[in-house]
N, C-alpha and C. Protein backbone atom coordinates (compact mmCIF):
# COMPACT_ATOMS: atom_id res chain seq x y z
N MET A 1 13.72 17.27 -2.44
CA MET A 1 13.71 16.15 -3.00
C MET A 1 12.12 15.95 -2.18
N PRO A 2 11.38 15.19 -2.87
CA PRO A 2 10.19 14.71 -2.55
C PRO A 2 9.94 13.55 -1.49
N LYS A 3 9.11 14.08 -0.51
CA LYS A 3 9.06 12.64 0.34
C LYS A 3 7.70 11.63 0.18
N VAL A 4 7.20 12.11 -0.85
CA VAL A 4 6.18 11.00 -1.62
C VAL A 4 6.14 10.70 -2.87
N GLU A 5 5.71 9.33 -2.77
CA GLU A 5 5.97 8.84 -4.33
C GLU A 5 4.54 8.26 -4.87
N ILE A 6 4.53 8.70 -6.09
CA ILE A 6 2.79 8.30 -6.55
C ILE A 6 3.41 6.94 -7.29
N LEU A 7 2.08 5.95 -6.49
CA LEU A 7 2.28 4.45 -7.17
C LEU A 7 1.14 4.35 -8.10
N ASN A 8 1.53 3.86 -9.51
CA ASN A 8 0.34 3.88 -10.44
C ASN A 8 0.14 2.35 -10.57
N ARG A 9 -0.88 1.77 -10.90
CA ARG A 9 -1.49 0.20 -11.31
C ARG A 9 -0.84 0.28 -12.51
N PRO A 10 -0.86 -0.97 -12.90
CA PRO A 10 -0.21 -1.88 -14.16
C PRO A 10 -1.09 -1.06 -15.51
N ASP A 11 -2.14 -0.38 -15.24
CA ASP A 11 -2.78 0.21 -16.05
C ASP A 11 -2.61 1.52 -16.26
N GLY A 12 -1.46 2.09 -15.68
CA GLY A 12 -1.42 3.48 -15.63
C GLY A 12 -1.78 4.47 -14.50
N GLN A 13 -3.24 3.88 -14.15
CA GLN A 13 -4.05 4.94 -13.38
C GLN A 13 -3.50 5.01 -11.87
N PHE A 14 -3.66 6.16 -11.22
CA PHE A 14 -3.30 6.16 -10.06
C PHE A 14 -3.70 4.92 -9.15
N GLY A 15 -2.60 4.55 -8.44
CA GLY A 15 -2.95 3.55 -7.15
C GLY A 15 -2.99 3.96 -5.95
N ALA A 16 -1.81 4.61 -5.54
CA ALA A 16 -1.83 4.84 -4.19
C ALA A 16 -0.40 5.97 -3.97
N TYR A 17 -0.21 6.53 -2.85
CA TYR A 17 0.82 7.42 -2.65
C TYR A 17 1.66 6.73 -1.47
N ALA A 18 2.80 6.51 -1.29
CA ALA A 18 4.03 6.06 -0.61
C ALA A 18 4.71 6.81 -0.06
N ILE A 19 5.49 6.58 1.39
CA ILE A 19 6.23 7.24 2.08
C ILE A 19 7.15 6.12 2.50
N TYR A 20 8.39 6.39 2.64
CA TYR A 20 9.40 5.09 3.33
C TYR A 20 9.36 5.64 5.06
N CYS A 21 9.07 4.25 5.62
CA CYS A 21 8.97 4.37 6.66
C CYS A 21 10.77 4.11 7.38
N SER A 22 11.19 4.69 7.95
CA SER A 22 12.39 4.46 8.54
C SER A 22 12.62 3.61 9.76
N GLY A 23 11.14 3.16 10.49
CA GLY A 23 11.15 2.14 11.53
C GLY A 23 11.04 0.99 10.68
N CYS A 24 10.40 0.70 9.80
CA CYS A 24 9.95 -0.61 9.31
C CYS A 24 10.97 -0.70 8.22
N LYS A 25 11.51 0.12 7.93
CA LYS A 25 12.48 -0.01 6.55
C LYS A 25 11.98 -0.50 5.26
N SER A 26 10.99 -0.07 5.35
CA SER A 26 9.84 -0.32 4.17
C SER A 26 8.98 0.88 3.61
N TYR A 27 8.43 0.55 2.64
CA TYR A 27 7.37 1.68 2.06
C TYR A 27 6.12 1.51 2.64
N HIS A 28 5.20 2.67 3.12
CA HIS A 28 3.92 2.35 3.59
C HIS A 28 3.05 2.89 2.45
N ALA A 29 1.92 2.74 2.20
CA ALA A 29 1.04 3.13 0.88
C ALA A 29 -0.13 3.78 1.35
N PHE A 30 -0.54 5.03 1.12
CA PHE A 30 -1.51 5.39 1.48
C PHE A 30 -2.89 5.85 -0.04
N ASP A 31 -3.71 5.21 0.23
CA ASP A 31 -4.67 5.11 -1.02
C ASP A 31 -6.00 6.35 -0.69
N GLU A 32 -7.15 6.13 -1.73
CA GLU A 32 -8.19 7.11 -1.51
C GLU A 32 -8.73 7.09 0.00
N ARG A 33 -8.37 5.97 0.80
CA ARG A 33 -9.03 6.15 2.04
C ARG A 33 -8.57 7.21 3.02
N TRP A 34 -7.15 7.64 2.74
CA TRP A 34 -6.77 8.79 3.22
C TRP A 34 -6.87 10.32 2.67
N THR A 35 -6.52 11.30 3.36
CA THR A 35 -6.68 12.79 2.69
C THR A 35 -5.00 13.03 2.77
N PHE A 36 -4.89 13.67 1.94
CA PHE A 36 -3.53 14.16 1.48
C PHE A 36 -3.41 15.45 0.68
N ASN A 37 -2.64 16.31 1.79
CA ASN A 37 -2.69 17.84 1.67
C ASN A 37 -2.00 18.16 0.38
N GLY A 38 -1.37 17.31 -0.75
CA GLY A 38 -0.99 17.45 -1.94
C GLY A 38 0.67 18.02 -1.86
N ASP A 39 1.13 18.05 -0.83
CA ASP A 39 2.37 18.67 -0.67
C ASP A 39 3.28 17.46 -0.48
N PHE A 40 4.49 17.50 -1.84
CA PHE A 40 5.19 16.03 -1.98
C PHE A 40 6.30 16.22 -0.85
N GLU A 41 6.84 17.83 -0.30
CA GLU A 41 7.78 18.08 0.43
C GLU A 41 7.55 17.95 1.99
N LYS A 42 6.10 18.45 2.06
CA LYS A 42 5.85 18.43 3.38
C LYS A 42 4.23 17.78 3.70
N PRO A 43 4.37 16.57 3.56
CA PRO A 43 2.96 15.68 3.28
C PRO A 43 2.44 15.68 4.46
N THR A 44 0.95 15.87 4.39
CA THR A 44 0.12 15.41 5.72
C THR A 44 -0.79 14.17 5.24
N PHE A 45 -0.76 13.29 5.93
CA PHE A 45 -1.92 12.33 5.54
C PHE A 45 -2.81 12.03 6.75
N THR A 46 -3.99 12.04 6.96
CA THR A 46 -4.94 11.89 7.52
C THR A 46 -6.28 10.64 7.47
N PRO A 47 -6.29 9.83 8.27
CA PRO A 47 -6.00 9.81 9.55
C PRO A 47 -4.58 9.25 9.65
N SER A 48 -4.30 8.25 10.73
CA SER A 48 -2.96 7.60 11.08
C SER A 48 -2.99 6.54 10.09
N MET A 49 -1.75 5.92 10.01
CA MET A 49 -1.42 4.69 9.28
C MET A 49 -1.33 3.89 9.97
N LEU A 50 -2.06 2.68 10.03
CA LEU A 50 -1.75 1.34 11.04
C LEU A 50 -1.64 0.07 10.29
N VAL A 51 -0.20 -0.26 10.14
CA VAL A 51 0.23 -1.52 9.44
C VAL A 51 0.12 -2.73 10.44
N ASN A 52 -0.16 -3.71 9.87
CA ASN A 52 -0.06 -4.90 10.57
C ASN A 52 -0.90 -4.91 12.11
N GLN A 53 -1.88 -4.14 11.86
CA GLN A 53 -2.78 -4.11 13.25
C GLN A 53 -3.06 -5.32 14.10
N HIS A 54 -3.20 -6.34 13.74
CA HIS A 54 -3.59 -7.83 14.31
C HIS A 54 -1.88 -8.51 14.88
N ARG A 55 -1.00 -7.67 14.50
CA ARG A 55 0.51 -8.53 14.52
C ARG A 55 1.26 -7.37 15.20
N PRO A 56 1.17 -7.67 16.70
CA PRO A 56 1.88 -6.72 17.35
C PRO A 56 3.49 -6.82 17.02
N GLU A 57 3.84 -8.21 16.91
CA GLU A 57 5.44 -8.22 16.48
C GLU A 57 6.07 -7.55 15.18
N SER A 58 5.03 -6.96 14.53
CA SER A 58 5.46 -6.21 13.38
C SER A 58 4.49 -4.73 12.98
N ARG A 59 3.80 -4.60 13.90
CA ARG A 59 3.12 -3.57 13.61
C ARG A 59 3.58 -2.17 14.05
N CYS A 60 3.08 -1.28 12.94
CA CYS A 60 3.69 0.08 13.05
C CYS A 60 2.43 1.25 12.90
N HIS A 61 2.29 2.05 13.75
CA HIS A 61 1.49 2.84 13.61
C HIS A 61 2.09 4.36 13.75
N SER A 62 1.51 5.07 12.67
CA SER A 62 2.17 6.37 12.57
C SER A 62 1.15 7.68 12.39
N PHE A 63 1.42 8.67 12.44
CA PHE A 63 0.62 9.88 11.75
C PHE A 63 1.88 10.71 10.73
N VAL A 64 1.40 11.19 9.93
CA VAL A 64 2.40 12.09 8.80
C VAL A 64 1.93 13.18 8.76
N THR A 65 2.76 14.23 9.03
CA THR A 65 2.08 15.58 9.28
C THR A 65 3.10 16.74 9.07
N ASP A 66 3.24 17.47 8.06
CA ASP A 66 3.97 18.59 7.76
C ASP A 66 5.26 17.78 7.35
N GLY A 67 5.42 16.60 6.66
CA GLY A 67 6.71 15.94 6.49
C GLY A 67 7.23 15.49 7.47
N LYS A 68 6.84 15.14 8.43
CA LYS A 68 7.22 14.40 9.89
C LYS A 68 6.36 13.34 9.95
N ILE A 69 6.99 12.30 10.53
CA ILE A 69 6.24 10.68 10.59
C ILE A 69 6.48 10.84 12.06
N GLN A 70 5.04 10.75 12.81
CA GLN A 70 5.35 10.45 14.49
C GLN A 70 4.75 8.97 14.65
N PHE A 71 5.83 8.16 15.51
CA PHE A 71 5.67 6.70 15.33
C PHE A 71 4.97 6.79 16.78
N LEU A 72 3.76 6.05 16.90
CA LEU A 72 2.75 6.10 18.06
C LEU A 72 3.61 4.94 19.24
N SER A 73 3.32 4.81 20.09
CA SER A 73 3.77 3.63 20.81
C SER A 73 3.38 2.19 20.76
N ASP A 74 2.59 2.15 20.06
CA ASP A 74 2.48 0.52 19.94
C ASP A 74 2.98 0.11 18.59
N CYS A 75 3.95 0.86 18.19
CA CYS A 75 4.86 0.57 17.04
C CYS A 75 5.90 -0.89 17.65
N PHE A 76 6.35 -1.62 16.80
CA PHE A 76 6.93 -2.71 17.22
C PHE A 76 8.61 -2.33 17.26
N HIS A 77 9.00 -1.08 16.69
CA HIS A 77 10.39 -1.09 16.36
C HIS A 77 10.77 0.15 17.20
N ASP A 78 12.23 0.22 17.47
CA ASP A 78 12.89 0.88 18.29
C ASP A 78 12.46 2.78 18.17
N LEU A 79 11.77 2.92 17.07
CA LEU A 79 11.49 4.31 16.81
C LEU A 79 10.10 4.91 17.64
N ALA A 80 9.37 4.06 18.22
CA ALA A 80 8.17 4.19 19.05
C ALA A 80 8.35 5.08 19.71
N GLY A 81 7.27 6.31 19.67
CA GLY A 81 7.42 7.00 20.58
C GLY A 81 8.19 8.29 20.05
N GLN A 82 8.91 8.42 18.99
CA GLN A 82 9.58 9.34 18.41
C GLN A 82 8.91 9.94 17.10
N THR A 83 9.16 11.51 16.79
CA THR A 83 9.06 11.92 15.87
C THR A 83 10.14 12.49 14.81
N LEU A 84 10.10 12.09 13.63
CA LEU A 84 11.38 12.47 12.49
C LEU A 84 10.77 12.72 11.44
N GLU A 85 11.72 13.60 10.76
CA GLU A 85 11.39 13.98 9.28
C GLU A 85 11.25 12.70 8.63
N LEU A 86 10.39 12.85 7.69
CA LEU A 86 10.59 11.67 6.65
C LEU A 86 11.63 11.90 5.43
N GLU A 87 12.06 10.33 5.40
CA GLU A 87 13.11 10.68 4.29
C GLU A 87 12.81 10.85 3.11
N ASP A 88 13.82 11.17 1.75
CA ASP A 88 13.46 11.56 0.61
C ASP A 88 13.51 10.12 -0.07
N ILE A 89 12.69 10.76 -1.01
CA ILE A 89 12.39 9.41 -1.95
C ILE A 89 13.21 9.69 -3.14
N GLU A 90 14.09 9.18 -3.67
CA GLU A 90 14.72 9.39 -4.89
C GLU A 90 14.18 8.81 -5.97
């Protein structure tokens, strides 16, 4: 099963890639600002993803490498400091 979903804009053009974040229990989108290795089952995006940078109560900071998500210590959720397999996107 793929770990990455393609998000198209309303006009049908590419918009971004999305992964499911098990810490936030929501999707995080990677657009053209990130480099993607093109592997939908073992994705790598660089650089890191920082969501809600200025809101520590909901900040999520992670690296996605070879199909795993590494949650950095500045995440708000209980998965901070852990590395897990990305969840499948159905």
